[in-house]
Amino acid sequence: MDAYIMLQKILQRTDKESGKPIVSSYVGSGLWESSENGVMIPVYNPATGSVIAFINEGKELILNDFILRAAKTAQDYWHFKIGEQDKEQVFRRITWYIDKFRGIFASVIIKEAGKLWKWADAEVQETIDTVWHYHGELSRVHGEYSRCQLSDKTSIVVRDPYGIILAITPWNFPLAVPAWKIFGALAGGNAIIVKDSEQTPLSTSMLIWCIHKALCDVLGTHKSEELRGLVQVIHGTGEFTGKNLLETLDYDKVAFTGGAETGATVAKITGSRLRPCHLELGGHAGMVVMPDFDLDRAVAEAVNACTGDTGQRCVSLRAVFIKESKHDEFVQRYITAIKKIPIGDPSDFMVRMGPLSSKQQFARVEAMVDKTASELNKMPIIGGAGNWAGFNESFATKNNKGYYFPPTVFSRVPWFATNITAMKEEIFGPVLCVVPIPAKPTDEFLASAIDCLNSSQYGLSNSFCTNDISSVMKAIEQVKTGILYINRGTTGAEVGKYFGGVKNSGWGREGRGIEDWTILKQVYIDHHGKPRMAQEGNELKAYETIEDGTVTLSNFLA
């Protein structure tokens, strides 16, 4: 019954022409609303290419001043009026709802994001784990006591909330990434307004419903009404809704996850307004396979890291660097493996790779592969257990049934080929480049492999596979990356650990704790009886250190 009520609230309106539901935004009025005169934007099922819902994007929601006022009221009430014990109960109740609706969450993720059941359920579990992690962080919003340099003086460090967080989240993790930002923000005492992806509005909306239902269950009607603006979600495109919120909303911090190009725009806008922003951007993950590492294990890791979630993770593997003498064997085993991958409807338990997220994403990946083939003057090798008519035609695109793209590999890509599209850009699909490094002694090979990893404009996640501990230590010291996997493909992040990159992969870290969501305030308590400065000197002692007491500073500067 609760699930029916939840979906009825979120999908209370329908499009008159198609009869499809309209996914409502949740704003500070405590109501699920959508623009009356906005632009209708379809939400597609990437497995079939069919429309499953709409969002209605319009200015009246974005520019409504009540959204900001409600967020400010709720943030103040949440931070000052709701105690730690009550907050912990709210977080526990939220996890109860998410787990209760686990199957519904997973099925919605499958329908709007095209994920397999195992990836969809993993995302639900990650969301639950995230709430529990920040449940533990609630107790860390406290002062740190220490003594000072001077006597009769005490230092206390206080963690204050930023205030209002504007979060902009992507389509590839429509539940987990919003959860990282929402529960981190709440643990730090903030209110948060989420602009999610127009491709995946249902997952985030369901999470918001669970949050506000939990607030009402634990705190009662009166207190929950004061908190109606605590967590809000506004659906829309980045070009319109996201840009307008960035330029007009009086937020205190922005937390953005998305592509590097959009991230640069976010940084420019927030910088012009002197607001801090956290940017979790793209990646171009590389895996070094040292000569001593088992080849079958390396192939298995590469297949998993490149094709998992159809290569649509910012940490998905894009390039393997391997000794030239082992290149051909690695490629042959990799091709054998990807040709066995069953591709199809992600709701089918026998399927091991689903579609790309959208028609636009399919076209983008296809164009980048075409361009790479032209640059290398060679066609890639493709896999999949479907009836492939050729490189540009899969059974899916031929029959117009979805956005399926085959696992694809380019072999013998020249090392240091940083000008090649697939080696330079984040393709965001199941495409792998295998790069042979010329025969060299182990030390030289190691240095060349590290240089190859570091030559990328990105630095989010990389992998190093070897049984030699000295090589591991050199990789740890020298690879410029935010995440480094040893003897594992670039499979992603863990809850409660640092996530983020260097170079074009972003600014800051996320997922670790309330450090990302609070501001440090230094407090001094000085109970000395007389006025004084923070440091005291001894003028006589300073004067006596001059070699000739009769020589003054003015003599030197005359």
Protein backbone atom coordinates (compact mmCIF):
# COMPACT_ATOMS: atom_id res chain seq x y z
CA MET A 1 0.00 0.00 0.00
CA ASP A 2 2.82 2.42 0.86
CA ALA A 3 4.47 1.75 -2.50
CA TYR A 4 1.20 2.51 -4.29
CA ILE A 5 0.82 5.78 -2.38
CA MET A 6 4.42 6.72 -3.12
CA LEU A 7 4.09 6.21 -6.87
CA GLN A 8 0.66 7.85 -6.91
CA LYS A 9 2.16 11.00 -5.36
CA ILE A 10 5.15 11.07 -7.70
CA LEU A 11 3.12 10.27 -10.82
CA GLN A 12 -0.11 12.10 -10.01
CA ARG A 13 -0.42 13.81 -13.41
CA THR A 14 -0.53 12.30 -16.90
CA ASP A 15 0.29 13.65 -20.33
CA LYS A 16 -2.98 14.26 -22.17
CA GLU A 17 -1.69 13.16 -25.57
CA SER A 18 0.15 9.97 -24.66
CA GLY A 19 -1.48 9.06 -21.38
CA LYS A 20 1.99 8.48 -19.90
CA PRO A 21 2.66 9.66 -16.33
CA ILE A 22 4.49 12.90 -15.57
CA VAL A 23 7.19 12.62 -12.88
CA SER A 24 6.64 15.44 -10.40
CA SER A 25 9.28 17.47 -8.58
CA TYR A 26 9.23 17.76 -4.79
CA VAL A 27 9.52 21.39 -3.67
CA GLY A 28 9.42 23.31 -0.42
CA SER A 29 5.65 23.50 -0.30
CA GLY A 30 5.63 19.86 0.72
CA LEU A 31 3.82 18.98 -2.52
CA TRP A 32 4.74 17.00 -5.59
CA GLU A 33 4.45 19.52 -8.40
CA SER A 34 5.25 19.94 -12.09
CA SER A 35 5.20 22.92 -14.37
CA GLU A 36 1.83 23.61 -15.96
CA ASN A 37 3.19 25.27 -19.09
CA GLY A 38 6.66 23.81 -19.35
CA VAL A 39 8.33 21.70 -22.02
CA MET A 40 7.44 18.01 -22.00
CA ILE A 41 10.61 15.89 -21.90
CA PRO A 42 10.23 12.12 -22.44
CA VAL A 43 11.85 9.51 -20.21
CA TYR A 44 12.87 6.44 -22.23
CA ASN A 45 13.41 2.80 -21.41
CA PRO A 46 16.85 2.25 -22.99
CA ALA A 47 16.18 -1.46 -23.41
CA THR A 48 13.23 -0.85 -25.75
CA GLY A 49 13.51 2.77 -26.85
CA SER A 50 9.91 3.35 -25.69
CA VAL A 51 8.65 6.29 -23.61
CA ILE A 52 7.79 5.33 -20.03
CA ALA A 53 7.09 8.78 -18.57
CA PHE A 54 7.64 12.52 -18.95
CA ILE A 55 8.98 15.40 -16.93
CA ASN A 56 7.56 18.88 -17.41
CA GLU A 57 10.31 21.49 -17.31
CA GLY A 58 9.33 25.10 -16.66
CA LYS A 59 10.53 28.31 -15.06
CA GLU A 60 7.90 28.55 -12.33
CA LEU A 61 9.53 25.77 -10.29
CA ILE A 62 13.13 26.86 -10.85
CA LEU A 63 12.61 30.54 -10.09
CA ASN A 64 10.11 30.09 -7.26
CA ASP A 65 11.56 31.98 -4.30
CA PHE A 66 9.57 29.76 -1.93
CA ILE A 67 11.94 26.88 -2.70
CA LEU A 68 14.87 28.81 -1.24
CA ARG A 69 12.93 30.17 1.73
CA ALA A 70 11.65 26.70 2.57
CA ALA A 71 15.20 25.31 2.36
CA LYS A 72 16.54 28.01 4.71
CA THR A 73 13.76 27.44 7.22
CA ALA A 74 14.23 23.68 7.14
CA GLN A 75 18.01 23.86 7.39
CA ASP A 76 17.84 26.06 10.48
CA TYR A 77 15.24 23.79 12.10
CA TRP A 78 17.13 20.58 11.24
CA HIS A 79 20.46 21.88 12.54
CA PHE A 80 19.31 23.62 15.73
CA LYS A 81 16.03 21.99 16.72
CA ILE A 82 16.43 18.30 15.85
CA GLY A 83 18.73 16.41 18.19
CA GLU A 84 21.24 13.74 17.26
CA GLN A 85 19.08 10.93 18.62
CA ASP A 86 16.10 11.99 16.49
CA LYS A 87 18.30 12.35 13.40
CA GLU A 88 19.64 8.84 13.94
CA GLN A 89 16.07 7.51 14.13
CA VAL A 90 15.19 9.31 10.90
CA PHE A 91 18.18 7.75 9.11
CA ARG A 92 17.27 4.30 10.40
CA ARG A 93 13.68 4.73 9.23
CA ILE A 94 14.87 5.78 5.78
CA THR A 95 16.92 2.60 5.42
CA TRP A 96 13.82 0.64 6.46
CA TYR A 97 11.80 2.18 3.63
CA ILE A 98 14.51 1.69 1.01
CA ASP A 99 14.90 -1.94 1.97
CA LYS A 100 11.13 -2.41 2.04
CA PHE A 101 10.87 -1.07 -1.52
CA ARG A 102 14.10 -2.74 -2.66
CA GLY A 103 12.49 -4.61 -5.55
CA ILE A 104 10.59 -1.54 -6.75
CA PHE A 105 13.72 0.59 -6.64
CA ALA A 106 15.68 -2.03 -8.60
CA SER A 107 12.97 -2.48 -11.23
CA VAL A 108 12.70 1.30 -11.74
CA ILE A 109 16.49 1.58 -12.15
CA ILE A 110 16.31 -1.18 -14.76
CA LYS A 111 13.53 0.60 -16.65
CA GLU A 112 14.99 4.10 -16.72
CA ALA A 113 18.75 3.38 -16.62
CA GLY A 114 18.95 0.01 -18.40
CA LYS A 115 20.94 -1.73 -15.68
CA LEU A 116 21.00 -5.46 -15.05
CA TRP A 117 19.19 -6.77 -11.98
CA LYS A 118 22.47 -7.41 -10.17
CA TRP A 119 23.75 -3.87 -10.84
CA ALA A 120 20.39 -2.31 -9.95
CA ASP A 121 20.15 -4.23 -6.69
CA ALA A 122 23.78 -3.40 -5.92
CA GLU A 123 22.91 0.27 -6.29
CA VAL A 124 20.01 -0.09 -3.87
CA GLN A 125 22.30 -1.83 -1.39
CA GLU A 126 24.93 0.88 -1.80
CA THR A 127 22.27 3.48 -1.03
CA ILE A 128 21.28 1.65 2.15
CA ASP A 129 24.95 1.34 3.14
CA THR A 130 25.43 5.07 2.46
CA VAL A 131 22.59 6.01 4.79
CA TRP A 132 24.05 3.78 7.51
CA HIS A 133 27.51 5.26 6.98
CA TYR A 134 26.28 8.82 7.45
CA HIS A 135 24.14 7.64 10.36
CA GLY A 136 27.49 6.95 12.04
CA GLU A 137 28.84 10.34 10.94
CA LEU A 138 26.06 12.19 12.81
CA SER A 139 27.98 11.81 16.06
CA ARG A 140 31.09 13.42 14.54
CA VAL A 141 29.58 16.89 14.25
CA HIS A 142 31.28 18.02 17.42
CA GLY A 143 34.06 20.26 18.68
CA GLU A 144 37.72 19.38 19.00
CA TYR A 145 39.38 20.63 22.20
CA SER A 146 43.04 21.55 22.58
CA ARG A 147 45.25 23.86 24.61
CA CYS A 148 46.90 26.93 23.07
CA GLN A 149 50.41 28.34 22.91
CA LEU A 150 49.59 30.88 25.59
CA SER A 151 48.44 29.95 29.07
CA ASP A 152 44.85 30.53 30.19
CA LYS A 153 43.62 30.00 26.64
CA THR A 154 41.65 27.14 25.01
CA SER A 155 41.01 26.18 21.38
CA ILE A 156 37.78 24.57 20.17
CA VAL A 157 37.14 23.62 16.54
CA VAL A 158 33.46 23.59 15.61
CA ARG A 159 31.93 22.05 12.48
CA ASP A 160 29.22 24.27 11.02
CA PRO A 161 26.96 23.35 8.11
CA TYR A 162 27.38 25.19 4.82
CA GLY A 163 23.65 25.90 4.75
CA ILE A 164 22.00 25.05 1.43
CA ILE A 165 23.64 22.56 -0.91
CA LEU A 166 22.77 22.45 -4.61
CA ALA A 167 23.43 18.95 -5.93
CA ILE A 168 23.50 18.12 -9.62
CA THR A 169 23.53 14.36 -10.24
CA PRO A 170 23.98 12.07 -13.28
CA TRP A 171 21.96 9.34 -14.96
CA ASN A 172 24.41 6.45 -14.56
CA PHE A 173 23.83 6.10 -10.79
CA PRO A 174 20.37 7.64 -10.32
CA LEU A 175 19.99 6.42 -6.73
CA ALA A 176 23.47 5.99 -5.26
CA VAL A 177 25.02 9.32 -6.29
CA PRO A 178 22.10 11.44 -5.02
CA ALA A 179 22.28 9.41 -1.80
CA TRP A 180 25.98 10.24 -1.35
CA LYS A 181 25.18 13.92 -1.52
CA ILE A 182 21.85 13.94 0.32
CA PHE A 183 22.89 12.01 3.41
CA GLY A 184 26.29 13.64 3.64
CA ALA A 185 24.57 17.02 3.52
CA LEU A 186 21.99 16.02 6.14
CA ALA A 187 24.62 14.56 8.46
CA GLY A 188 26.46 17.88 8.27
CA GLY A 189 23.32 19.83 9.19
CA ASN A 190 22.53 21.18 5.71
CA ALA A 191 19.45 21.37 3.52
CA ILE A 192 19.82 20.15 -0.05
CA ILE A 193 18.19 20.81 -3.41
CA VAL A 194 18.81 18.11 -6.02
CA LYS A 195 18.71 18.62 -9.77
CA ASP A 196 18.79 15.06 -11.06
CA SER A 197 19.13 13.80 -14.61
CA GLU A 198 16.11 14.18 -16.88
CA GLN A 199 16.83 10.62 -18.07
CA THR A 200 16.31 9.03 -14.64
CA PRO A 201 13.87 11.11 -12.55
CA LEU A 202 11.93 8.29 -10.92
CA SER A 203 14.70 6.75 -8.80
CA THR A 204 15.62 10.03 -7.10
CA SER A 205 11.96 10.95 -6.60
CA MET A 206 11.28 7.67 -4.82
CA LEU A 207 14.26 8.29 -2.54
CA ILE A 208 12.95 11.77 -1.68
CA TRP A 209 9.54 10.31 -0.86
CA CYS A 210 11.16 7.80 1.53
CA ILE A 211 13.07 10.60 3.27
CA HIS A 212 10.02 12.78 3.90
CA LYS A 213 7.88 9.82 4.93
CA ALA A 214 10.57 8.86 7.45
CA LEU A 215 10.70 12.43 8.78
CA CYS A 216 6.95 12.34 9.36
CA ASP A 217 7.03 8.87 10.94
CA VAL A 218 9.77 9.73 13.42
CA LEU A 219 9.20 13.42 14.18
CA GLY A 220 5.45 13.75 13.73
CA THR A 221 3.37 16.03 11.53
CA HIS A 222 4.27 19.39 13.11
CA LYS A 223 8.06 18.99 12.99
CA SER A 224 8.02 17.38 9.56
CA GLU A 225 6.07 20.35 8.19
CA GLU A 226 8.91 22.60 9.34
CA LEU A 227 11.25 20.34 7.36
CA ARG A 228 9.37 20.28 4.06
CA GLY A 229 12.20 22.14 2.35
CA LEU A 230 14.99 20.01 3.83
CA VAL A 231 15.40 17.77 0.78
CA GLN A 232 13.94 18.90 -2.53
CA VAL A 233 14.23 17.57 -6.07
CA ILE A 234 13.68 19.53 -9.27
CA HIS A 235 13.66 17.64 -12.55
CA GLY A 236 14.97 19.13 -15.76
CA THR A 237 17.81 19.38 -18.22
CA GLY A 238 21.24 20.66 -17.32
CA GLU A 239 21.13 23.25 -20.09
CA PHE A 240 17.97 24.87 -18.70
CA THR A 241 17.11 23.83 -15.14
CA GLY A 242 20.67 23.17 -13.97
CA LYS A 243 22.04 26.39 -15.46
CA ASN A 244 19.21 28.51 -14.05
CA LEU A 245 19.64 27.05 -10.56
CA LEU A 246 23.40 27.63 -10.70
CA GLU A 247 22.97 31.24 -11.79
CA THR A 248 19.98 32.30 -9.66
CA LEU A 249 19.67 30.15 -6.54
CA ASP A 250 21.26 31.52 -3.37
CA TYR A 251 23.06 28.28 -2.45
CA ASP A 252 26.09 27.93 -0.18
CA LYS A 253 27.86 25.07 -1.96
CA VAL A 254 27.48 23.04 -5.16
CA ALA A 255 28.12 19.30 -5.38
CA PHE A 256 28.30 18.18 -9.00
CA THR A 257 28.81 14.80 -10.62
CA GLY A 258 29.05 14.66 -14.40
CA GLY A 259 31.28 15.27 -17.40
CA ALA A 260 34.42 17.40 -17.44
CA GLU A 261 33.05 19.91 -19.95
CA THR A 262 29.94 20.58 -17.87
CA GLY A 263 32.07 20.61 -14.74
CA ALA A 264 34.13 23.46 -16.18
CA THR A 265 30.90 25.44 -16.70
CA VAL A 266 29.80 24.72 -13.12
CA ALA A 267 33.19 25.88 -11.81
CA LYS A 268 33.00 29.06 -13.87
CA ILE A 269 29.53 29.98 -12.61
CA THR A 270 30.19 29.13 -8.96
CA GLY A 271 33.55 30.88 -9.12
CA SER A 272 31.97 34.08 -10.41
CA ARG A 273 29.60 33.91 -7.41
CA LEU A 274 32.41 33.03 -4.95
CA ARG A 275 30.70 29.81 -3.92
CA PRO A 276 32.62 26.58 -3.26
CA CYS A 277 31.94 23.59 -5.46
CA HIS A 278 32.84 19.92 -5.38
CA LEU A 279 33.35 18.38 -8.82
CA GLU A 280 33.34 14.63 -9.41
CA LEU A 281 34.00 14.38 -13.13
CA GLY A 282 34.98 11.76 -15.67
CA GLY A 283 37.86 9.39 -16.03
CA HIS A 284 39.92 7.38 -18.48
CA ALA A 285 40.91 4.36 -16.41
CA GLY A 286 44.01 2.44 -17.38
CA MET A 287 45.22 -0.98 -16.26
CA VAL A 288 48.90 -1.95 -16.33
CA VAL A 289 49.54 -5.68 -16.66
CA MET A 290 53.08 -6.43 -15.56
CA PRO A 291 54.87 -9.43 -17.21
CA ASP A 292 54.68 -11.51 -14.00
CA PHE A 293 50.87 -11.32 -13.70
CA ASP A 294 48.61 -14.22 -14.70
CA LEU A 295 47.13 -13.50 -18.15
CA ASP A 296 43.79 -15.23 -17.62
CA ARG A 297 43.25 -13.25 -14.43
CA ALA A 298 44.15 -10.02 -16.23
CA VAL A 299 41.65 -10.76 -19.02
CA ALA A 300 38.88 -11.53 -16.53
CA GLU A 301 39.56 -8.29 -14.65
CA ALA A 302 39.59 -6.28 -17.89
CA VAL A 303 36.31 -7.75 -19.15
CA ASN A 304 34.59 -7.07 -15.84
CA ALA A 305 35.94 -3.52 -15.53
CA CYS A 306 35.25 -2.53 -19.15
CA THR A 307 31.84 -4.13 -19.83
CA GLY A 308 30.28 -3.99 -16.35
CA ASP A 309 27.33 -1.58 -16.41
CA THR A 310 27.94 -1.45 -20.19
CA GLY A 311 31.06 0.64 -19.55
CA GLN A 312 28.98 3.53 -18.23
CA ARG A 313 30.87 4.17 -15.03
CA CYS A 314 33.36 7.00 -14.65
CA VAL A 315 35.82 4.35 -13.40
CA SER A 316 35.18 1.92 -16.28
CA LEU A 317 38.34 0.53 -17.86
CA ARG A 318 39.36 2.25 -21.12
CA ALA A 319 42.93 1.06 -21.79
CA VAL A 320 45.20 -1.88 -20.96
CA PHE A 321 48.98 -1.42 -21.10
CA ILE A 322 50.83 -4.71 -21.57
CA LYS A 323 54.22 -6.01 -22.68
CA GLU A 324 54.39 -6.37 -26.46
CA SER A 325 55.23 -10.08 -26.32
CA LYS A 326 51.99 -10.77 -24.43
CA HIS A 327 49.74 -8.38 -26.35
CA ASP A 328 48.38 -10.75 -29.01
CA GLU A 329 47.59 -13.50 -26.56
CA PHE A 330 45.83 -11.07 -24.22
CA VAL A 331 43.73 -9.66 -27.08
CA GLN A 332 42.76 -13.10 -28.35
CA ARG A 333 41.63 -14.24 -24.91
CA TYR A 334 39.77 -10.96 -24.39
CA ILE A 335 37.93 -11.37 -27.72
CA THR A 336 37.00 -14.95 -26.84
CA ALA A 337 35.56 -13.70 -23.54
CA ILE A 338 33.52 -10.78 -24.91
CA LYS A 339 32.05 -12.92 -27.70
CA LYS A 340 30.45 -15.07 -24.99
CA ILE A 341 28.69 -12.15 -23.24
CA PRO A 342 24.89 -12.44 -23.63
CA ILE A 343 23.55 -8.99 -24.52
CA GLY A 344 19.90 -8.06 -24.27
CA ASP A 345 16.98 -7.02 -22.07
CA PRO A 346 18.47 -6.17 -18.65
CA SER A 347 15.45 -7.63 -16.85
CA ASP A 348 16.45 -11.08 -18.15
CA PHE A 349 18.54 -12.89 -15.54
CA MET A 350 20.52 -14.69 -18.25
CA VAL A 351 21.75 -11.41 -19.77
CA ARG A 352 25.19 -10.14 -18.78
CA MET A 353 25.27 -6.77 -20.57
CA GLY A 354 22.41 -4.37 -21.15
CA PRO A 355 21.95 -1.29 -23.34
CA LEU A 356 23.56 2.10 -23.32
CA SER A 357 21.49 4.67 -21.46
CA SER A 358 19.99 6.58 -24.38
CA LYS A 359 19.83 7.05 -28.11
CA GLN A 360 22.13 10.06 -27.74
CA GLN A 361 24.66 8.01 -25.80
CA PHE A 362 24.56 5.27 -28.43
CA ALA A 363 25.22 7.82 -31.18
CA ARG A 364 28.06 9.38 -29.17
CA VAL A 365 29.82 6.06 -28.52
CA GLU A 366 29.34 4.97 -32.12
CA ALA A 367 30.77 8.24 -33.45
CA MET A 368 33.81 8.06 -31.16
CA VAL A 369 34.52 4.46 -32.17
CA ASP A 370 34.17 5.41 -35.85
CA LYS A 371 36.57 8.31 -35.36
CA THR A 372 39.09 6.11 -33.53
CA ALA A 373 38.90 3.51 -36.31
CA SER A 374 39.64 6.25 -38.84
CA GLU A 375 42.57 7.59 -36.79
CA LEU A 376 44.10 4.13 -36.38
CA ASN A 377 43.19 3.09 -39.92
CA LYS A 378 41.82 -0.19 -38.58
CA MET A 379 38.42 -1.57 -37.60
CA PRO A 380 37.85 -2.71 -34.03
CA ILE A 381 36.90 -6.22 -33.05
CA ILE A 382 33.44 -6.63 -31.53
CA GLY A 383 31.88 -9.26 -29.31
CA GLY A 384 28.50 -10.23 -27.96
CA ALA A 385 26.26 -13.23 -28.36
CA GLY A 386 23.86 -11.44 -30.72
CA ASN A 387 23.53 -11.67 -34.48
CA TRP A 388 25.74 -8.77 -35.48
CA ALA A 389 25.18 -7.52 -39.01
CA GLY A 390 28.35 -5.47 -38.90
CA PHE A 391 30.19 -2.86 -36.89
CA ASN A 392 27.46 -0.21 -37.07
CA GLU A 393 24.49 -2.55 -36.87
CA SER A 394 23.56 -4.77 -33.98
CA PHE A 395 20.38 -6.82 -33.77
CA ALA A 396 19.02 -4.06 -31.51
CA THR A 397 19.62 -1.03 -33.69
CA LYS A 398 18.63 -2.94 -36.83
CA ASN A 399 15.21 -3.70 -35.33
CA ASN A 400 14.96 -0.40 -33.45
CA LYS A 401 14.46 -2.10 -30.10
CA GLY A 402 16.94 -0.37 -27.86
CA TYR A 403 20.37 1.15 -27.48
CA TYR A 404 22.59 -1.94 -27.40
CA PHE A 405 26.26 -1.60 -28.25
CA PRO A 406 28.69 -4.51 -28.55
CA PRO A 407 31.79 -4.83 -26.38
CA THR A 408 34.53 -3.47 -28.61
CA VAL A 409 38.32 -3.70 -28.58
CA PHE A 410 41.04 -1.86 -30.47
CA SER A 411 44.30 -3.82 -30.56
CA ARG A 412 47.85 -2.59 -31.05
CA VAL A 413 47.05 1.02 -30.21
CA PRO A 414 50.38 2.90 -30.29
CA TRP A 415 51.68 3.67 -26.84
CA PHE A 416 51.58 7.35 -25.91
CA ALA A 417 48.81 7.69 -28.52
CA THR A 418 47.28 10.55 -26.56
CA ASN A 419 45.86 12.09 -29.73
CA ILE A 420 43.70 9.05 -30.52
CA THR A 421 40.04 9.68 -29.60
CA ALA A 422 39.50 6.49 -27.61
CA MET A 423 42.73 7.14 -25.70
CA LYS A 424 42.03 10.80 -25.08
CA GLU A 425 38.29 11.05 -24.40
CA GLU A 426 35.95 9.29 -22.00
CA ILE A 427 33.86 7.15 -24.34
CA PHE A 428 31.49 5.90 -21.62
CA GLY A 429 30.77 2.62 -23.35
CA PRO A 430 32.17 -0.95 -23.45
CA VAL A 431 35.18 0.03 -25.57
CA LEU A 432 38.74 -1.00 -24.72
CA CYS A 433 42.13 -0.06 -26.19
CA VAL A 434 45.00 -2.54 -25.75
CA VAL A 435 48.39 -0.87 -25.89
CA PRO A 436 51.59 -2.92 -26.35
CA ILE A 437 54.68 -1.44 -24.73
CA PRO A 438 57.89 -2.30 -26.61
CA ALA A 439 60.11 -4.99 -25.14
CA LYS A 440 62.19 -3.55 -22.34
CA PRO A 441 63.76 -4.66 -19.05
CA THR A 442 61.27 -4.79 -16.19
CA ASP A 443 62.35 -1.50 -14.63
CA GLU A 444 62.06 0.33 -17.93
CA PHE A 445 58.73 -1.30 -18.69
CA LEU A 446 57.44 -0.23 -15.28
CA ALA A 447 58.53 3.38 -15.85
CA SER A 448 56.99 3.44 -19.34
CA ALA A 449 53.71 1.96 -18.06
CA ILE A 450 53.46 4.56 -15.30
CA ASP A 451 54.22 7.31 -17.81
CA CYS A 452 51.40 6.00 -20.02
CA LEU A 453 48.92 6.17 -17.14
CA ASN A 454 50.07 9.64 -16.17
CA SER A 455 49.87 10.96 -19.74
CA SER A 456 46.06 10.97 -19.56
CA GLN A 457 44.24 14.26 -18.99
CA TYR A 458 42.18 12.35 -16.41
CA GLY A 459 43.14 10.84 -13.08
CA LEU A 460 40.17 9.21 -11.38
CA SER A 461 40.83 5.47 -11.16
CA ASN A 462 43.67 3.28 -12.40
CA SER A 463 44.80 -0.30 -11.91
CA PHE A 464 48.14 -2.01 -11.48
CA CYS A 465 48.47 -5.80 -11.74
CA THR A 466 51.67 -7.43 -10.52
CA ASN A 467 52.99 -9.91 -7.96
CA ASP A 468 56.07 -7.80 -7.26
CA ILE A 469 55.80 -5.65 -4.14
CA SER A 470 58.49 -3.18 -5.27
CA SER A 471 56.51 -2.48 -8.46
CA VAL A 472 53.39 -1.99 -6.36
CA MET A 473 55.14 0.56 -4.17
CA LYS A 474 56.48 2.48 -7.17
CA ALA A 475 52.98 2.58 -8.65
CA ILE A 476 51.53 3.84 -5.37
CA GLU A 477 54.16 6.57 -5.21
CA GLN A 478 54.16 7.67 -8.85
CA VAL A 479 50.74 7.13 -10.48
CA LYS A 480 48.78 10.39 -10.54
CA THR A 481 45.28 9.24 -9.68
CA GLY A 482 42.57 9.58 -7.06
CA ILE A 483 42.01 5.81 -6.81
CA LEU A 484 44.51 3.05 -7.46
CA TYR A 485 43.51 -0.61 -7.58
CA ILE A 486 46.18 -3.26 -7.09
CA ASN A 487 45.57 -6.61 -8.84
CA ARG A 488 41.96 -5.71 -9.61
CA GLY A 489 40.20 -3.94 -12.45
CA THR A 490 38.97 -0.39 -11.94
CA THR A 491 35.70 -1.45 -10.36
CA GLY A 492 34.68 1.64 -8.38
CA ALA A 493 34.35 3.04 -4.89
CA GLU A 494 33.41 1.71 -1.48
CA VAL A 495 31.08 3.36 0.99
CA GLY A 496 32.92 5.34 3.64
CA LYS A 497 36.13 5.64 1.59
CA TYR A 498 37.47 8.59 -0.38
CA PHE A 499 36.17 9.00 -3.94
CA GLY A 500 37.45 11.58 -6.39
CA GLY A 501 40.20 12.31 -8.84
CA VAL A 502 42.95 14.64 -9.98
CA LYS A 503 43.51 16.68 -13.15
CA ASN A 504 40.36 16.77 -15.31
CA SER A 505 38.67 14.21 -13.08
CA GLY A 506 37.60 16.83 -10.58
CA TRP A 507 38.10 18.72 -7.34
CA GLY A 508 37.74 17.35 -3.85
CA ARG A 509 36.68 14.00 -2.42
CA GLU A 510 33.31 12.52 -1.63
CA GLY A 511 31.91 9.64 0.38
CA ARG A 512 34.31 9.64 3.33
CA GLY A 513 32.39 11.66 5.90
CA ILE A 514 31.08 15.00 7.09
CA GLU A 515 34.34 16.74 6.17
CA ASP A 516 32.86 17.37 2.71
CA TRP A 517 29.69 18.90 4.13
CA THR A 518 30.83 21.13 6.97
CA ILE A 519 32.90 24.28 7.49
CA LEU A 520 35.52 24.46 10.24
CA LYS A 521 35.14 27.32 12.70
CA GLN A 522 38.09 28.06 14.96
CA VAL A 523 37.00 29.24 18.42
CA TYR A 524 39.34 30.66 21.11
CA ILE A 525 38.37 30.98 24.75
CA ASP A 526 40.86 33.34 26.40
CA HIS A 527 40.35 33.66 30.16
CA HIS A 528 43.53 35.63 30.86
CA GLY A 529 42.96 38.70 33.02
CA LYS A 530 44.50 41.29 30.68
CA PRO A 531 44.17 42.17 26.97
CA ARG A 532 46.77 40.52 24.71
CA MET A 533 47.44 39.44 21.15
CA ALA A 534 47.57 35.85 19.89
CA GLN A 535 51.40 35.84 20.21
CA GLU A 536 53.63 37.78 22.62
CA GLY A 537 57.26 38.70 22.10
CA ASN A 538 60.10 40.14 24.22
CA GLU A 539 61.28 43.46 22.79
CA LEU A 540 64.39 43.63 25.02
CA LYS A 541 65.51 40.16 24.03
CA ALA A 542 65.06 40.99 20.35
CA TYR A 543 67.08 44.21 20.70
CA GLU A 544 69.91 42.46 22.52
CA THR A 545 70.40 40.03 19.63
CA ILE A 546 71.82 42.85 17.47
CA GLU A 547 75.62 42.41 17.53
CA ASP A 548 76.32 46.07 18.25
CA GLY A 549 73.65 47.56 20.43
CA THR A 550 74.52 51.06 19.24
CA VAL A 551 73.73 50.14 15.64
CA THR A 552 70.03 50.51 14.93
CA LEU A 553 67.98 49.35 12.00
CA SER A 554 67.86 52.92 10.67
CA ASN A 555 71.64 52.78 10.08
CA PHE A 556 71.18 49.87 7.70
CA LEU A 557 68.32 51.52 5.85
CA ALA A 558 69.83 55.02 5.67
